Amino acid sequence: AGSPTLERVKKNGYLRCGTSEGLPGFAMPDNKGEWTGLDVDFCRAVATAIFNDPKKVRFTPTSAKVRFTVLQAGDVDILSRVTTWTMSRDVQLGLEFIGVIYYDGQGFMVPKKLNVASAKQLNGANVCTQTGTTTELNLADYFRANALKYKVIAFEKDEETVNAYDSGRCDAHTTDQSGLYAQRLQLKNPADHIILPEVISKEPLGPVVNQGDPQWADLVRWTLFALINAEEL
């Protein structure tokens, strides 16, 4: 009771879920346009909690660069999009992180032909990544701490980043390890690429809502907790 977001969702008759543009395992449309993945299933669970119907949800693909703006503008009711919970995002953007749905860490993918076995061998490399993420800062910290030089080649969309790496524009591609393993499947020759062993950051990923509606945050948070309890049982 008393949640303006919940009332809006009920009035619309469906939940508006902001998610990835296409990441296997998390949010990916099939050839019929049906979305599948962990982030997608979480939004379906929230829709079930509200309507007792997992189909009453509409998905809005968002890039990493604009995902928070889309949520802040009220264009979606919830953001469920491999998003890292950080202090600055939590306290500066007027957003509320619900909890951790997947605990990840940033890594590197390289072509086997480079004969690289460690990220510490990437001195002077061109590294592909995506803008608007924690990835760029982690990358800078890691290379500075290890006295390595590099050049970052950044793109707004996942697809652009993967295509640039696959075409040979970059020596390495860096993002969350789950993303690397998923994106490797989309390359022309997946077997020609390896994920390096280094995990250079902590990436607690979870759904996000706007601040100022505690009842809505409670509904979403306890949906997550119910799913975790159900999995334990």
C-alpha atoms as a PDB file:
ATOM      1  CA  ALA A   1       0.000   0.000   0.000  1.00  0.00           C
ATOM      2  CA  GLY A   2       1.099   3.560  -0.653  1.00  0.00           C
ATOM      3  CA  SER A   3       3.583   2.793  -3.430  1.00  0.00           C
ATOM      4  CA  PRO A   4       3.240   5.131  -6.438  1.00  0.00           C
ATOM      5  CA  THR A   5       5.403   2.791  -8.540  1.00  0.00           C
ATOM      6  CA  LEU A   6       3.249  -0.217  -7.725  1.00  0.00           C
ATOM      7  CA  GLU A   7       0.092   1.748  -8.490  1.00  0.00           C
ATOM      8  CA  ARG A   8       1.548   2.807 -11.856  1.00  0.00           C
ATOM      9  CA  VAL A   9       2.521  -0.777 -12.687  1.00  0.00           C
ATOM     10  CA  LYS A  10      -0.965  -2.015 -11.808  1.00  0.00           C
ATOM     11  CA  LYS A  11      -2.574   0.758 -13.865  1.00  0.00           C
ATOM     12  CA  ASN A  12      -0.405  -0.105 -16.873  1.00  0.00           C
ATOM     13  CA  GLY A  13      -1.202  -3.777 -16.462  1.00  0.00           C
ATOM     14  CA  TYR A  14       2.440  -4.844 -16.847  1.00  0.00           C
ATOM     15  CA  LEU A  15       5.922  -4.338 -15.401  1.00  0.00           C
ATOM     16  CA  ARG A  16       8.446  -2.336 -17.460  1.00  0.00           C
ATOM     17  CA  CYS A  17      11.870  -3.951 -17.128  1.00  0.00           C
ATOM     18  CA  GLY A  18      15.106  -2.374 -18.363  1.00  0.00           C
ATOM     19  CA  THR A  19      17.616  -5.023 -19.348  1.00  0.00           C
ATOM     20  CA  SER A  20      20.637  -5.786 -21.540  1.00  0.00           C
ATOM     21  CA  GLU A  21      20.663  -5.437 -25.300  1.00  0.00           C
ATOM     22  CA  GLY A  22      21.605  -9.089 -25.581  1.00  0.00           C
ATOM     23  CA  LEU A  23      23.846 -11.101 -23.250  1.00  0.00           C
ATOM     24  CA  PRO A  24      23.477 -14.906 -23.257  1.00  0.00           C
ATOM     25  CA  GLY A  25      22.601 -16.269 -19.830  1.00  0.00           C
ATOM     26  CA  PHE A  26      21.310 -12.929 -18.560  1.00  0.00           C
ATOM     27  CA  ALA A  27      19.042 -11.326 -21.168  1.00  0.00           C
ATOM     28  CA  MET A  28      18.818 -12.529 -24.759  1.00  0.00           C
ATOM     29  CA  PRO A  29      15.922 -12.564 -27.249  1.00  0.00           C
ATOM     30  CA  ASP A  30      15.529 -15.726 -29.294  1.00  0.00           C
ATOM     31  CA  ASN A  31      14.533 -15.856 -32.973  1.00  0.00           C
ATOM     32  CA  LYS A  32      10.892 -15.459 -31.936  1.00  0.00           C
ATOM     33  CA  GLY A  33      11.613 -12.371 -29.832  1.00  0.00           C
ATOM     34  CA  GLU A  34      11.174 -14.213 -26.526  1.00  0.00           C
ATOM     35  CA  TRP A  35      13.595 -13.025 -23.836  1.00  0.00           C
ATOM     36  CA  THR A  36      15.497 -15.545 -21.716  1.00  0.00           C
ATOM     37  CA  GLY A  37      18.129 -15.316 -18.982  1.00  0.00           C
ATOM     38  CA  LEU A  38      18.701 -14.664 -15.287  1.00  0.00           C
ATOM     39  CA  ASP A  39      17.929 -10.912 -15.381  1.00  0.00           C
ATOM     40  CA  VAL A  40      14.841 -11.537 -17.505  1.00  0.00           C
ATOM     41  CA  ASP A  41      13.586 -14.265 -15.167  1.00  0.00           C
ATOM     42  CA  PHE A  42      13.952 -11.940 -12.191  1.00  0.00           C
ATOM     43  CA  CYS A  43      11.616  -9.401 -13.798  1.00  0.00           C
ATOM     44  CA  ARG A  44       9.158 -12.195 -14.535  1.00  0.00           C
ATOM     45  CA  ALA A  45       9.294 -13.133 -10.849  1.00  0.00           C
ATOM     46  CA  VAL A  46       8.435  -9.546  -9.843  1.00  0.00           C
ATOM     47  CA  ALA A  47       5.553  -9.559 -12.332  1.00  0.00           C
ATOM     48  CA  THR A  48       4.361 -12.816 -10.771  1.00  0.00           C
ATOM     49  CA  ALA A  49       4.475 -11.262  -7.299  1.00  0.00           C
ATOM     50  CA  ILE A  50       2.243  -8.400  -8.531  1.00  0.00           C
ATOM     51  CA  PHE A  51      -0.076 -10.027 -11.069  1.00  0.00           C
ATOM     52  CA  ASN A  52       0.385 -13.768 -10.439  1.00  0.00           C
ATOM     53  CA  ASP A  53       1.381 -13.846 -14.115  1.00  0.00           C
ATOM     54  CA  PRO A  54       5.015 -13.949 -15.302  1.00  0.00           C
ATOM     55  CA  LYS A  55       3.997 -12.802 -18.794  1.00  0.00           C
ATOM     56  CA  LYS A  56       2.880  -9.361 -17.655  1.00  0.00           C
ATOM     57  CA  VAL A  57       6.250  -7.719 -18.255  1.00  0.00           C
ATOM     58  CA  ARG A  58       7.729  -5.732 -21.139  1.00  0.00           C
ATOM     59  CA  PHE A  59      11.469  -5.562 -21.724  1.00  0.00           C
ATOM     60  CA  THR A  60      13.371  -2.435 -22.740  1.00  0.00           C
ATOM     61  CA  PRO A  61      16.937  -3.081 -23.972  1.00  0.00           C
ATOM     62  CA  THR A  62      19.339  -0.419 -22.656  1.00  0.00           C
ATOM     63  CA  SER A  63      23.035   0.231 -23.179  1.00  0.00           C
ATOM     64  CA  ALA A  64      25.338   0.533 -20.166  1.00  0.00           C
ATOM     65  CA  LYS A  65      25.740   4.241 -20.917  1.00  0.00           C
ATOM     66  CA  VAL A  66      22.033   5.166 -20.678  1.00  0.00           C
ATOM     67  CA  ARG A  67      20.642   2.491 -18.305  1.00  0.00           C
ATOM     68  CA  PHE A  68      20.563   4.745 -15.219  1.00  0.00           C
ATOM     69  CA  THR A  69      19.090   7.679 -17.157  1.00  0.00           C
ATOM     70  CA  VAL A  70      16.292   5.457 -18.447  1.00  0.00           C
ATOM     71  CA  LEU A  71      15.485   4.351 -14.873  1.00  0.00           C
ATOM     72  CA  GLN A  72      15.745   7.865 -13.420  1.00  0.00           C
ATOM     73  CA  ALA A  73      13.419   9.214 -16.125  1.00  0.00           C
ATOM     74  CA  GLY A  74      10.772   6.669 -15.152  1.00  0.00           C
ATOM     75  CA  ASP A  75      10.835   4.944 -18.535  1.00  0.00           C
ATOM     76  CA  VAL A  76      11.205   1.598 -16.740  1.00  0.00           C
ATOM     77  CA  ASP A  77      10.027   0.444 -13.316  1.00  0.00           C
ATOM     78  CA  ILE A  78      13.089  -1.668 -12.562  1.00  0.00           C
ATOM     79  CA  LEU A  79      16.571  -2.121 -13.990  1.00  0.00           C
ATOM     80  CA  SER A  80      17.664  -5.761 -14.147  1.00  0.00           C
ATOM     81  CA  ARG A  81      20.780  -5.528 -16.269  1.00  0.00           C
ATOM     82  CA  VAL A  82      24.109  -7.015 -15.033  1.00  0.00           C
ATOM     83  CA  THR A  83      24.684  -3.828 -13.025  1.00  0.00           C
ATOM     84  CA  THR A  84      27.437  -3.577 -10.418  1.00  0.00           C
ATOM     85  CA  TRP A  85      26.450  -2.274  -6.983  1.00  0.00           C
ATOM     86  CA  THR A  86      28.950   0.471  -6.107  1.00  0.00           C
ATOM     87  CA  MET A  87      29.010   3.130  -3.415  1.00  0.00           C
ATOM     88  CA  SER A  88      29.003   6.055  -5.851  1.00  0.00           C
ATOM     89  CA  ARG A  89      26.042   4.699  -7.809  1.00  0.00           C
ATOM     90  CA  ASP A  90      24.149   3.948  -4.610  1.00  0.00           C
ATOM     91  CA  VAL A  91      24.584   7.331  -2.944  1.00  0.00           C
ATOM     92  CA  GLN A  92      24.903   9.808  -5.821  1.00  0.00           C
ATOM     93  CA  LEU A  93      22.367   8.788  -8.472  1.00  0.00           C
ATOM     94  CA  GLY A  94      19.148   8.667  -6.477  1.00  0.00           C
ATOM     95  CA  LEU A  95      18.957   4.911  -6.982  1.00  0.00           C
ATOM     96  CA  GLU A  96      18.512   1.942  -4.667  1.00  0.00           C
ATOM     97  CA  PHE A  97      20.218  -1.391  -5.208  1.00  0.00           C
ATOM     98  CA  ILE A  98      18.036  -4.292  -4.162  1.00  0.00           C
ATOM     99  CA  GLY A  99      20.655  -6.971  -3.506  1.00  0.00           C
ATOM    100  CA  VAL A 100      23.131  -9.259  -5.253  1.00  0.00           C
ATOM    101  CA  ILE A 101      21.715 -11.657  -7.815  1.00  0.00           C
ATOM    102  CA  TYR A 102      25.074 -12.740  -9.298  1.00  0.00           C
ATOM    103  CA  TYR A 103      28.567 -12.231  -7.892  1.00  0.00           C
ATOM    104  CA  ASP A 104      31.037 -11.614 -10.697  1.00  0.00           C
ATOM    105  CA  GLY A 105      34.525 -10.252 -11.349  1.00  0.00           C
ATOM    106  CA  GLN A 106      36.252  -8.550 -14.258  1.00  0.00           C
ATOM    107  CA  GLY A 107      38.583 -10.501 -16.518  1.00  0.00           C
ATOM    108  CA  PHE A 108      40.251 -10.521 -19.936  1.00  0.00           C
ATOM    109  CA  MET A 109      39.762 -12.455 -23.167  1.00  0.00           C
ATOM    110  CA  VAL A 110      42.542 -12.700 -25.760  1.00  0.00           C
ATOM    111  CA  PRO A 111      43.172 -14.578 -29.015  1.00  0.00           C
ATOM    112  CA  LYS A 112      45.202 -17.758 -28.488  1.00  0.00           C
ATOM    113  CA  LYS A 113      47.585 -16.672 -31.254  1.00  0.00           C
ATOM    114  CA  LEU A 114      48.941 -13.915 -28.961  1.00  0.00           C
ATOM    115  CA  ASN A 115      50.465 -16.643 -26.770  1.00  0.00           C
ATOM    116  CA  VAL A 116      49.501 -14.707 -23.639  1.00  0.00           C
ATOM    117  CA  ALA A 117      48.897 -16.670 -20.436  1.00  0.00           C
ATOM    118  CA  SER A 118      48.454 -13.776 -17.998  1.00  0.00           C
ATOM    119  CA  ALA A 119      47.005 -10.270 -18.026  1.00  0.00           C
ATOM    120  CA  LYS A 120      50.395  -9.057 -16.821  1.00  0.00           C
ATOM    121  CA  GLN A 121      51.724  -9.860 -20.300  1.00  0.00           C
ATOM    122  CA  LEU A 122      49.414  -7.286 -21.914  1.00  0.00           C
ATOM    123  CA  ASN A 123      51.847  -4.376 -21.739  1.00  0.00           C
ATOM    124  CA  GLY A 124      51.185  -2.031 -24.667  1.00  0.00           C
ATOM    125  CA  ALA A 125      47.941  -3.783 -25.656  1.00  0.00           C
ATOM    126  CA  ASN A 126      44.880  -2.245 -27.265  1.00  0.00           C
ATOM    127  CA  VAL A 127      41.971  -3.223 -24.997  1.00  0.00           C
ATOM    128  CA  CYS A 128      38.313  -3.198 -26.048  1.00  0.00           C
ATOM    129  CA  THR A 129      35.678  -2.343 -23.443  1.00  0.00           C
ATOM    130  CA  GLN A 130      32.280  -0.708 -23.033  1.00  0.00           C
ATOM    131  CA  THR A 131      31.657   2.872 -21.902  1.00  0.00           C
ATOM    132  CA  GLY A 132      29.486   3.722 -18.893  1.00  0.00           C
ATOM    133  CA  THR A 133      30.683   0.775 -16.814  1.00  0.00           C
ATOM    134  CA  THR A 134      32.966   0.085 -13.856  1.00  0.00           C
ATOM    135  CA  THR A 135      35.185  -1.767 -16.329  1.00  0.00           C
ATOM    136  CA  GLU A 136      37.130   1.274 -17.532  1.00  0.00           C
ATOM    137  CA  LEU A 137      38.151   2.366 -14.017  1.00  0.00           C
ATOM    138  CA  ASN A 138      39.104  -1.171 -12.978  1.00  0.00           C
ATOM    139  CA  LEU A 139      41.173  -1.491 -16.140  1.00  0.00           C
ATOM    140  CA  ALA A 140      43.031   1.747 -15.417  1.00  0.00           C
ATOM    141  CA  ASP A 141      43.671   0.741 -11.796  1.00  0.00           C
ATOM    142  CA  TYR A 142      45.007  -2.692 -12.751  1.00  0.00           C
ATOM    143  CA  PHE A 143      47.382  -1.476 -15.446  1.00  0.00           C
ATOM    144  CA  ARG A 144      48.646   1.377 -13.271  1.00  0.00           C
ATOM    145  CA  ALA A 145      49.232  -0.930 -10.296  1.00  0.00           C
ATOM    146  CA  ASN A 146      51.236  -3.311 -12.493  1.00  0.00           C
ATOM    147  CA  ALA A 147      53.157  -0.537 -14.332  1.00  0.00           C
ATOM    148  CA  LEU A 148      51.696  -1.584 -17.689  1.00  0.00           C
ATOM    149  CA  LYS A 149      50.875   0.625 -20.659  1.00  0.00           C
ATOM    150  CA  TYR A 150      47.697   0.179 -22.689  1.00  0.00           C
ATOM    151  CA  LYS A 151      45.280   1.913 -25.031  1.00  0.00           C
ATOM    152  CA  VAL A 152      41.560   1.640 -24.379  1.00  0.00           C
ATOM    153  CA  ILE A 153      39.124   1.364 -27.309  1.00  0.00           C
ATOM    154  CA  ALA A 154      35.646   1.945 -25.886  1.00  0.00           C
ATOM    155  CA  PHE A 155      32.206   1.469 -27.411  1.00  0.00           C
ATOM    156  CA  GLU A 156      28.705   2.268 -26.197  1.00  0.00           C
ATOM    157  CA  LYS A 157      27.078  -1.051 -27.083  1.00  0.00           C
ATOM    158  CA  ASP A 158      27.989  -4.655 -26.259  1.00  0.00           C
ATOM    159  CA  GLU A 159      27.643  -5.717 -29.884  1.00  0.00           C
ATOM    160  CA  GLU A 160      30.027  -3.004 -31.079  1.00  0.00           C
ATOM    161  CA  THR A 161      32.632  -4.027 -28.497  1.00  0.00           C
ATOM    162  CA  VAL A 162      32.459  -7.710 -29.368  1.00  0.00           C
ATOM    163  CA  ASN A 163      32.556  -7.050 -33.120  1.00  0.00           C
ATOM    164  CA  ALA A 164      35.598  -4.797 -32.749  1.00  0.00           C
ATOM    165  CA  TYR A 165      37.448  -7.453 -30.778  1.00  0.00           C
ATOM    166  CA  ASP A 166      36.433 -10.217 -33.174  1.00  0.00           C
ATOM    167  CA  SER A 167      37.638  -8.186 -36.155  1.00  0.00           C
ATOM    168  CA  GLY A 168      41.086  -7.800 -34.609  1.00  0.00           C
ATOM    169  CA  ARG A 169      40.930  -4.119 -33.667  1.00  0.00           C
ATOM    170  CA  CYS A 170      41.900  -5.010 -30.106  1.00  0.00           C
ATOM    171  CA  ASP A 171      44.472  -7.321 -28.548  1.00  0.00           C
ATOM    172  CA  ALA A 172      42.185  -8.018 -25.595  1.00  0.00           C
ATOM    173  CA  HIS A 173      38.587  -7.596 -24.494  1.00  0.00           C
ATOM    174  CA  THR A 174      37.695  -6.907 -20.855  1.00  0.00           C
ATOM    175  CA  THR A 175      34.381  -7.100 -18.996  1.00  0.00           C
ATOM    176  CA  ASP A 176      32.805  -9.267 -16.277  1.00  0.00           C
ATOM    177  CA  GLN A 177      33.938 -12.869 -16.635  1.00  0.00           C
ATOM    178  CA  SER A 178      30.378 -14.119 -17.128  1.00  0.00           C
ATOM    179  CA  GLY A 179      30.090 -11.682 -20.029  1.00  0.00           C
ATOM    180  CA  LEU A 180      33.373 -12.854 -21.543  1.00  0.00           C
ATOM    181  CA  TYR A 181      32.297 -16.505 -21.542  1.00  0.00           C
ATOM    182  CA  ALA A 182      28.909 -15.551 -23.013  1.00  0.00           C
ATOM    183  CA  GLN A 183      30.380 -13.260 -25.667  1.00  0.00           C
ATOM    184  CA  ARG A 184      33.030 -15.795 -26.667  1.00  0.00           C
ATOM    185  CA  LEU A 185      30.170 -17.992 -27.910  1.00  0.00           C
ATOM    186  CA  GLN A 186      29.211 -15.195 -30.321  1.00  0.00           C
ATOM    187  CA  LEU A 187      32.650 -14.961 -31.969  1.00  0.00           C
ATOM    188  CA  LYS A 188      33.364 -16.359 -35.431  1.00  0.00           C
ATOM    189  CA  ASN A 189      35.715 -18.986 -33.992  1.00  0.00           C
ATOM    190  CA  PRO A 190      35.179 -19.274 -30.206  1.00  0.00           C
ATOM    191  CA  ALA A 191      37.849 -21.966 -29.807  1.00  0.00           C
ATOM    192  CA  ASP A 192      40.500 -19.495 -30.990  1.00  0.00           C
ATOM    193  CA  HIS A 193      40.093 -17.363 -27.846  1.00  0.00           C
ATOM    194  CA  ILE A 194      40.814 -17.884 -24.135  1.00  0.00           C
ATOM    195  CA  ILE A 195      39.797 -16.228 -20.871  1.00  0.00           C
ATOM    196  CA  LEU A 196      42.858 -15.297 -18.807  1.00  0.00           C
ATOM    197  CA  PRO A 197      42.996 -16.446 -15.153  1.00  0.00           C
ATOM    198  CA  GLU A 198      43.147 -13.010 -13.515  1.00  0.00           C
ATOM    199  CA  VAL A 199      39.995 -11.648 -11.860  1.00  0.00           C
ATOM    200  CA  ILE A 200      40.799  -7.990 -11.177  1.00  0.00           C
ATOM    201  CA  SER A 201      37.674  -6.751  -9.391  1.00  0.00           C
ATOM    202  CA  LYS A 202      34.578  -7.611  -7.391  1.00  0.00           C
ATOM    203  CA  GLU A 203      31.367  -7.134  -9.367  1.00  0.00           C
ATOM    204  CA  PRO A 204      28.252  -7.736  -7.239  1.00  0.00           C
ATOM    205  CA  LEU A 205      25.476  -7.539  -9.826  1.00  0.00           C
ATOM    206  CA  GLY A 206      21.889  -6.816  -8.916  1.00  0.00           C
ATOM    207  CA  PRO A 207      18.577  -5.149  -9.771  1.00  0.00           C
ATOM    208  CA  VAL A 208      18.052  -1.423  -9.197  1.00  0.00           C
ATOM    209  CA  VAL A 209      15.050   0.828  -8.538  1.00  0.00           C
ATOM    210  CA  ASN A 210      14.631   4.554  -7.952  1.00  0.00           C
ATOM    211  CA  GLN A 211      14.923   5.879  -4.404  1.00  0.00           C
ATOM    212  CA  GLY A 212      11.917   7.413  -2.678  1.00  0.00           C
ATOM    213  CA  ASP A 213       9.480   4.506  -2.877  1.00  0.00           C
ATOM    214  CA  PRO A 214      10.413   2.150  -0.007  1.00  0.00           C
ATOM    215  CA  GLN A 215       7.335  -0.063  -0.456  1.00  0.00           C
ATOM    216  CA  TRP A 216       8.328  -0.756  -4.075  1.00  0.00           C
ATOM    217  CA  ALA A 217      11.917  -1.466  -3.039  1.00  0.00           C
ATOM    218  CA  ASP A 218      10.622  -3.898  -0.392  1.00  0.00           C
ATOM    219  CA  LEU A 219       8.476  -5.722  -2.938  1.00  0.00           C
ATOM    220  CA  VAL A 220      11.390  -6.147  -5.353  1.00  0.00           C
ATOM    221  CA  ARG A 221      13.910  -7.002  -2.612  1.00  0.00           C
ATOM    222  CA  TRP A 222      11.773  -9.687  -1.031  1.00  0.00           C
ATOM    223  CA  THR A 223      11.060 -11.182  -4.421  1.00  0.00           C
ATOM    224  CA  LEU A 224      14.821 -11.642  -4.744  1.00  0.00           C
ATOM    225  CA  PHE A 225      15.097 -13.102  -1.239  1.00  0.00           C
ATOM    226  CA  ALA A 226      12.176 -15.471  -1.906  1.00  0.00           C
ATOM    227  CA  LEU A 227      13.962 -16.773  -5.028  1.00  0.00           C
ATOM    228  CA  ILE A 228      17.175 -17.330  -3.063  1.00  0.00           C
ATOM    229  CA  ASN A 229      15.299 -19.144  -0.292  1.00  0.00           C
ATOM    230  CA  ALA A 230      13.474 -21.249  -2.884  1.00  0.00           C
ATOM    231  CA  GLU A 231      16.759 -22.259  -4.506  1.00  0.00           C
ATOM    232  CA  GLU A 232      18.189 -23.255  -1.109  1.00  0.00           C
ATOM    233  CA  LEU A 233      15.122 -25.400  -0.438  1.00  0.00           C
END
